[in-house]
Amino acid sequence: MPNLPTDSLALALLVFVLGLKHGFDADHLATIDGLTRYNMRTRPRLARWCGSLFSLGHGAVVVGVALAVSLLSRHWEAPAWLELSGAWISILFLLTLGVLNIRAAYTTPAHEVVRPLGLRGRWLGRLNRAAHPLSIALVGALFALSFDTVSQATLFAMAGVQAGSWVHAVGLGLTFMLGMLVADGANGLWIARLIARSDDLARIASRIMALAVAGMSLLVAAWGLARLFLPELEAWGEGKELVLGLGVIGVIFLSFVLGVWLARGRDAAVGRVSA
């Protein structure tokens, strides 16, 4: 977990960026993909909003945990093992997700769009077939009931209490949810667009995005491991969490632009050959 800044504006901006980065989590991508595909057949309008609804449910739990911890913080202090355990769980998840999505990018047949793979989505079974706005939000809420999300919400709560009161903690939770809503909402719209078309743009863009998400998962996991075993690197990284988070988001965005550019370039080349 990052050492959060004490300046209110810098703190809010960092939490927003963390929410954006959290929205690009491979588990989020995989579940939003499944929900969007299921609803695209009969409810295409609802399908476009699956990412946003998922994020609202997920964020509601984050805000609730932040509120509860901030109210209880006068009588309870977060144990020292919470941060270390959360770091190791995040690293293991990221490593697994990175390997799974690289495999998916290389094993998916050339004529198909690559579907992102997640871990938690497999545990939800039929809930991935939710076809009502409240049900989709519930899936997002269930996703938030994990150690890494709860520990992150606890961090926001503690920072909020230090900044003033439970109101600040709830504000940070809402800021995190807003960042996640932007990322998950964009993911849902993008996936709906890919499903609606079966041309080279969809296939190439999906492969590049899968590799980008997998690569960033592995890099973030490697960074987490390095910080655990190299104290000097952790000291160097203090105060740079915002820059690192923006870097992750920038790489994901640029990978999407690259995929679209390559696909359109290929279409143009095919068109010239046909002419």
Protein backbone atom coordinates (compact mmCIF):
# COMPACT_ATOMS: atom_id res chain seq x y z
CA MET A 1 0.00 0.00 0.00
CA PRO A 2 1.23 3.52 -0.73
CA ASN A 3 2.11 6.07 1.91
CA LEU A 4 -0.67 8.57 1.30
CA PRO A 5 0.16 12.30 1.23
CA THR A 6 -1.22 14.64 3.89
CA ASP A 7 -2.14 17.50 1.54
CA SER A 8 -5.91 17.26 0.84
CA LEU A 9 -5.76 17.94 -2.90
CA ALA A 10 -2.79 15.64 -3.48
CA LEU A 11 -4.47 12.95 -1.38
CA ALA A 12 -7.73 13.17 -3.33
CA LEU A 13 -5.90 13.10 -6.67
CA LEU A 14 -3.87 10.05 -5.65
CA VAL A 15 -6.96 8.18 -4.44
CA PHE A 16 -8.73 9.01 -7.73
CA VAL A 17 -5.78 7.64 -9.72
CA LEU A 18 -5.75 4.51 -7.53
CA GLY A 19 -9.42 4.05 -8.38
CA LEU A 20 -8.66 4.40 -12.08
CA LYS A 21 -5.87 1.85 -11.81
CA HIS A 22 -8.08 -0.51 -9.81
CA GLY A 23 -10.68 -0.35 -12.58
CA PHE A 24 -8.12 -1.78 -15.02
CA ASP A 25 -7.64 -4.85 -12.82
CA ALA A 26 -7.82 -8.01 -14.93
CA ASP A 27 -10.52 -9.45 -12.68
CA HIS A 28 -12.67 -6.38 -13.33
CA LEU A 29 -12.05 -6.61 -17.07
CA ALA A 30 -12.92 -10.31 -17.16
CA THR A 31 -16.16 -10.00 -15.20
CA ILE A 32 -17.35 -6.91 -17.07
CA ASP A 33 -16.57 -8.79 -20.28
CA GLY A 34 -18.74 -11.72 -19.17
CA LEU A 35 -21.63 -9.52 -18.03
CA THR A 36 -21.52 -7.44 -21.20
CA ARG A 37 -21.42 -10.49 -23.50
CA TYR A 38 -24.35 -12.12 -21.71
CA ASN A 39 -26.56 -9.03 -21.89
CA MET A 40 -25.52 -8.00 -25.40
CA ARG A 41 -27.72 -10.74 -26.88
CA THR A 42 -31.02 -9.55 -25.46
CA ARG A 43 -30.34 -6.24 -23.69
CA PRO A 44 -27.75 -4.33 -25.75
CA ARG A 45 -28.60 -1.02 -24.09
CA LEU A 46 -28.06 -2.47 -20.61
CA ALA A 47 -24.89 -4.22 -21.79
CA ARG A 48 -23.18 -0.88 -22.42
CA TRP A 49 -23.69 0.07 -18.77
CA CYS A 50 -22.51 -3.18 -17.18
CA GLY A 51 -19.11 -1.69 -16.34
CA SER A 52 -20.62 1.36 -14.65
CA LEU A 53 -23.16 -0.69 -12.67
CA PHE A 54 -20.46 -3.15 -11.58
CA SER A 55 -18.31 -0.23 -10.42
CA LEU A 56 -21.14 1.39 -8.45
CA GLY A 57 -21.75 -1.82 -6.50
CA HIS A 58 -18.04 -2.32 -5.92
CA GLY A 59 -17.57 1.27 -4.83
CA ALA A 60 -20.53 1.16 -2.45
CA VAL A 61 -18.78 -1.54 -0.43
CA VAL A 62 -15.51 0.45 -0.42
CA VAL A 63 -17.36 3.50 0.92
CA GLY A 64 -19.19 1.38 3.50
CA VAL A 65 -15.97 -0.20 4.76
CA ALA A 66 -14.25 3.19 4.91
CA LEU A 67 -17.15 4.59 6.94
CA ALA A 68 -17.26 1.63 9.33
CA VAL A 69 -13.50 1.63 9.94
CA SER A 70 -13.40 5.40 10.44
CA LEU A 71 -16.16 5.19 13.08
CA LEU A 72 -14.45 2.28 14.86
CA SER A 73 -10.94 3.71 14.59
CA ARG A 74 -11.22 5.43 17.97
CA HIS A 75 -11.36 2.01 19.61
CA TRP A 76 -9.42 -0.06 17.06
CA GLU A 77 -6.09 0.30 15.33
CA ALA A 78 -5.19 -1.52 12.13
CA PRO A 79 -2.75 -4.38 12.92
CA ALA A 80 0.78 -4.13 11.55
CA TRP A 81 0.37 -7.36 9.56
CA LEU A 82 -2.51 -5.92 7.50
CA GLU A 83 -0.30 -3.97 5.08
CA LEU A 84 2.21 -6.81 4.61
CA SER A 85 -0.49 -9.44 4.07
CA GLY A 86 -2.33 -7.21 1.63
CA ALA A 87 0.89 -6.62 -0.33
CA TRP A 88 1.62 -10.36 -0.68
CA ILE A 89 -1.96 -11.20 -1.69
CA SER A 90 -1.92 -8.46 -4.33
CA ILE A 91 1.43 -9.67 -5.69
CA LEU A 92 0.27 -13.29 -5.98
CA PHE A 93 -2.97 -12.26 -7.68
CA LEU A 94 -1.16 -9.98 -10.12
CA LEU A 95 1.39 -12.64 -11.04
CA THR A 96 -1.33 -15.23 -11.66
CA LEU A 97 -3.49 -12.84 -13.67
CA GLY A 98 -0.50 -11.74 -15.75
CA VAL A 99 0.39 -15.30 -16.72
CA LEU A 100 -3.24 -16.26 -17.45
CA ASN A 101 -3.82 -13.29 -19.74
CA ILE A 102 -0.56 -13.76 -21.66
CA ARG A 103 -1.61 -17.37 -22.24
CA ALA A 104 -5.07 -16.21 -23.38
CA ALA A 105 -3.56 -13.77 -25.88
CA TYR A 106 -1.41 -16.48 -27.47
CA THR A 107 -3.84 -19.41 -27.38
CA THR A 108 -7.02 -17.67 -28.59
CA PRO A 109 -7.66 -18.60 -32.26
CA ALA A 110 -6.69 -15.87 -34.72
CA HIS A 111 -10.29 -15.35 -35.87
CA GLU A 112 -11.60 -14.70 -32.33
CA VAL A 113 -11.46 -11.72 -29.98
CA VAL A 114 -9.35 -12.33 -26.87
CA ARG A 115 -11.39 -12.42 -23.68
CA PRO A 116 -9.62 -11.22 -20.52
CA LEU A 117 -9.26 -13.82 -17.77
CA GLY A 118 -9.82 -13.29 -14.05
CA LEU A 119 -9.75 -15.34 -10.86
CA ARG A 120 -12.62 -14.12 -8.73
CA GLY A 121 -15.08 -14.20 -11.62
CA ARG A 122 -14.80 -17.99 -11.73
CA TRP A 123 -15.99 -18.21 -8.13
CA LEU A 124 -19.21 -16.31 -8.83
CA GLY A 125 -20.64 -18.91 -11.22
CA ARG A 126 -24.10 -17.95 -12.50
CA LEU A 127 -23.83 -14.42 -11.09
CA ASN A 128 -21.89 -13.58 -14.25
CA ARG A 129 -25.25 -13.97 -16.00
CA ALA A 130 -26.86 -11.12 -14.09
CA ALA A 131 -29.42 -9.39 -16.31
CA HIS A 132 -30.82 -6.67 -14.02
CA PRO A 133 -29.09 -3.41 -13.04
CA LEU A 134 -29.29 -4.24 -9.32
CA SER A 135 -27.98 -7.76 -9.92
CA ILE A 136 -25.00 -6.42 -11.86
CA ALA A 137 -24.28 -3.95 -9.04
CA LEU A 138 -24.49 -6.87 -6.60
CA VAL A 139 -21.80 -8.72 -8.55
CA GLY A 140 -19.57 -5.65 -8.18
CA ALA A 141 -20.32 -5.53 -4.46
CA LEU A 142 -19.37 -9.19 -4.02
CA PHE A 143 -16.08 -8.51 -5.82
CA ALA A 144 -15.27 -5.88 -3.18
CA LEU A 145 -15.45 -8.51 -0.42
CA SER A 146 -11.80 -9.42 -0.85
CA PHE A 147 -8.77 -8.85 1.33
CA ASP A 148 -7.01 -6.44 -0.99
CA THR A 149 -10.08 -4.22 -1.50
CA VAL A 150 -10.99 -4.17 2.19
CA SER A 151 -7.41 -3.36 3.19
CA GLN A 152 -7.35 -0.50 0.67
CA ALA A 153 -10.63 0.87 2.03
CA THR A 154 -9.16 0.63 5.53
CA LEU A 155 -6.20 2.70 4.38
CA PHE A 156 -8.56 5.40 3.06
CA ALA A 157 -10.46 5.35 6.34
CA MET A 158 -7.32 5.87 8.41
CA ALA A 159 -6.13 8.67 6.11
CA GLY A 160 -9.56 10.31 6.34
CA VAL A 161 -9.62 10.17 10.12
CA GLN A 162 -6.15 11.71 10.25
CA ALA A 163 -7.35 14.45 7.91
CA GLY A 164 -10.35 15.27 10.08
CA SER A 165 -13.22 12.85 10.57
CA TRP A 166 -15.34 10.08 9.09
CA VAL A 167 -16.63 12.59 6.54
CA HIS A 168 -13.15 12.76 5.02
CA ALA A 169 -12.94 8.95 4.98
CA VAL A 170 -16.25 8.70 3.11
CA GLY A 171 -15.07 11.43 0.73
CA LEU A 172 -11.93 9.44 -0.09
CA GLY A 173 -14.02 6.32 -0.63
CA LEU A 174 -16.28 8.21 -3.03
CA THR A 175 -13.24 9.64 -4.83
CA PHE A 176 -11.85 6.13 -5.26
CA MET A 177 -15.23 4.96 -6.56
CA LEU A 178 -15.33 7.85 -9.06
CA GLY A 179 -11.94 6.87 -10.50
CA MET A 180 -12.99 3.24 -10.70
CA LEU A 181 -16.30 4.24 -12.29
CA VAL A 182 -14.48 6.08 -15.08
CA ALA A 183 -12.27 3.06 -15.84
CA ASP A 184 -14.95 0.37 -15.50
CA GLY A 185 -17.51 2.42 -17.41
CA ALA A 186 -15.07 2.89 -20.28
CA ASN A 187 -14.25 -0.83 -20.18
CA GLY A 188 -17.92 -1.75 -20.50
CA LEU A 189 -18.46 0.56 -23.47
CA TRP A 190 -15.27 -0.65 -25.15
CA ILE A 191 -16.12 -4.33 -24.68
CA ALA A 192 -19.64 -3.75 -26.03
CA ARG A 193 -18.11 -2.16 -29.12
CA LEU A 194 -15.71 -5.07 -29.62
CA ILE A 195 -18.55 -7.58 -29.32
CA ALA A 196 -20.63 -5.67 -31.87
CA ARG A 197 -17.92 -6.04 -34.51
CA SER A 198 -15.88 -9.04 -35.62
CA ASP A 199 -13.30 -7.39 -37.86
CA ASP A 200 -9.53 -7.08 -37.56
CA LEU A 201 -9.81 -4.00 -35.36
CA ALA A 202 -11.59 -5.98 -32.64
CA ARG A 203 -9.24 -8.96 -32.85
CA ILE A 204 -5.97 -6.99 -32.92
CA ALA A 205 -7.04 -4.42 -30.32
CA SER A 206 -8.20 -7.15 -27.93
CA ARG A 207 -4.83 -8.95 -28.18
CA ILE A 208 -2.79 -5.84 -27.56
CA MET A 209 -4.99 -4.86 -24.62
CA ALA A 210 -4.73 -8.36 -23.13
CA LEU A 211 -0.94 -8.29 -23.41
CA ALA A 212 -0.78 -4.75 -22.00
CA VAL A 213 -2.92 -5.64 -18.98
CA ALA A 214 -0.91 -8.82 -18.43
CA GLY A 215 2.39 -6.98 -18.77
CA MET A 216 1.37 -4.24 -16.35
CA SER A 217 0.12 -6.85 -13.87
CA LEU A 218 3.52 -8.55 -13.92
CA LEU A 219 5.40 -5.23 -13.68
CA VAL A 220 3.32 -4.00 -10.74
CA ALA A 221 3.84 -7.37 -9.02
CA ALA A 222 7.60 -7.11 -9.64
CA TRP A 223 7.59 -3.58 -8.23
CA GLY A 224 5.77 -4.83 -5.13
CA LEU A 225 8.30 -7.61 -4.62
CA ALA A 226 11.20 -5.21 -5.08
CA ARG A 227 9.77 -2.84 -2.47
CA LEU A 228 9.43 -5.68 0.02
CA PHE A 229 13.04 -6.85 -0.34
CA LEU A 230 14.84 -3.59 -1.17
CA PRO A 231 14.19 -0.94 1.49
CA GLU A 232 16.15 1.68 -0.47
CA LEU A 233 13.80 1.22 -3.43
CA GLU A 234 10.79 1.64 -1.17
CA ALA A 235 12.30 4.87 0.16
CA TRP A 236 12.86 6.08 -3.41
CA GLY A 237 9.24 5.30 -4.31
CA GLU A 238 7.75 7.31 -1.44
CA GLY A 239 5.89 10.31 -2.80
CA LYS A 240 5.92 8.92 -6.36
CA GLU A 241 2.75 6.83 -6.12
CA LEU A 242 0.78 9.31 -8.21
CA VAL A 243 3.34 9.28 -11.03
CA LEU A 244 3.56 5.48 -11.00
CA GLY A 245 -0.24 5.12 -11.05
CA LEU A 246 -0.54 7.54 -13.96
CA GLY A 247 2.17 5.56 -15.74
CA VAL A 248 0.15 2.35 -15.49
CA ILE A 249 -2.97 4.09 -16.80
CA GLY A 250 -0.98 5.71 -19.60
CA VAL A 251 0.42 2.39 -20.79
CA ILE A 252 -3.05 0.81 -20.89
CA PHE A 253 -4.45 3.78 -22.83
CA LEU A 254 -1.56 3.83 -25.30
CA SER A 255 -1.92 0.09 -25.87
CA PHE A 256 -5.54 0.65 -26.90
CA VAL A 257 -4.53 3.44 -29.28
CA LEU A 258 -1.80 1.19 -30.72
CA GLY A 259 -4.24 -1.65 -31.27
CA VAL A 260 -6.70 0.59 -33.10
CA TRP A 261 -3.89 2.10 -35.22
CA LEU A 262 -2.47 -1.29 -36.20
CA ALA A 263 -5.89 -2.66 -37.07
CA ARG A 264 -6.76 0.32 -39.25
CA GLY A 265 -3.35 0.16 -40.90
CA ARG A 266 -3.94 -3.48 -41.73
CA ASP A 267 -7.41 -2.69 -43.11
CA ALA A 268 -5.91 0.05 -45.31
CA ALA A 269 -3.20 -2.32 -46.59
CA VAL A 270 -5.77 -5.01 -47.40
CA GLY A 271 -7.87 -2.41 -49.20
CA ARG A 272 -4.92 -1.34 -51.38
CA VAL A 273 -4.12 -4.95 -52.29
CA SER A 274 -7.76 -5.63 -53.20
CA ALA A 275 -7.82 -2.51 -55.39
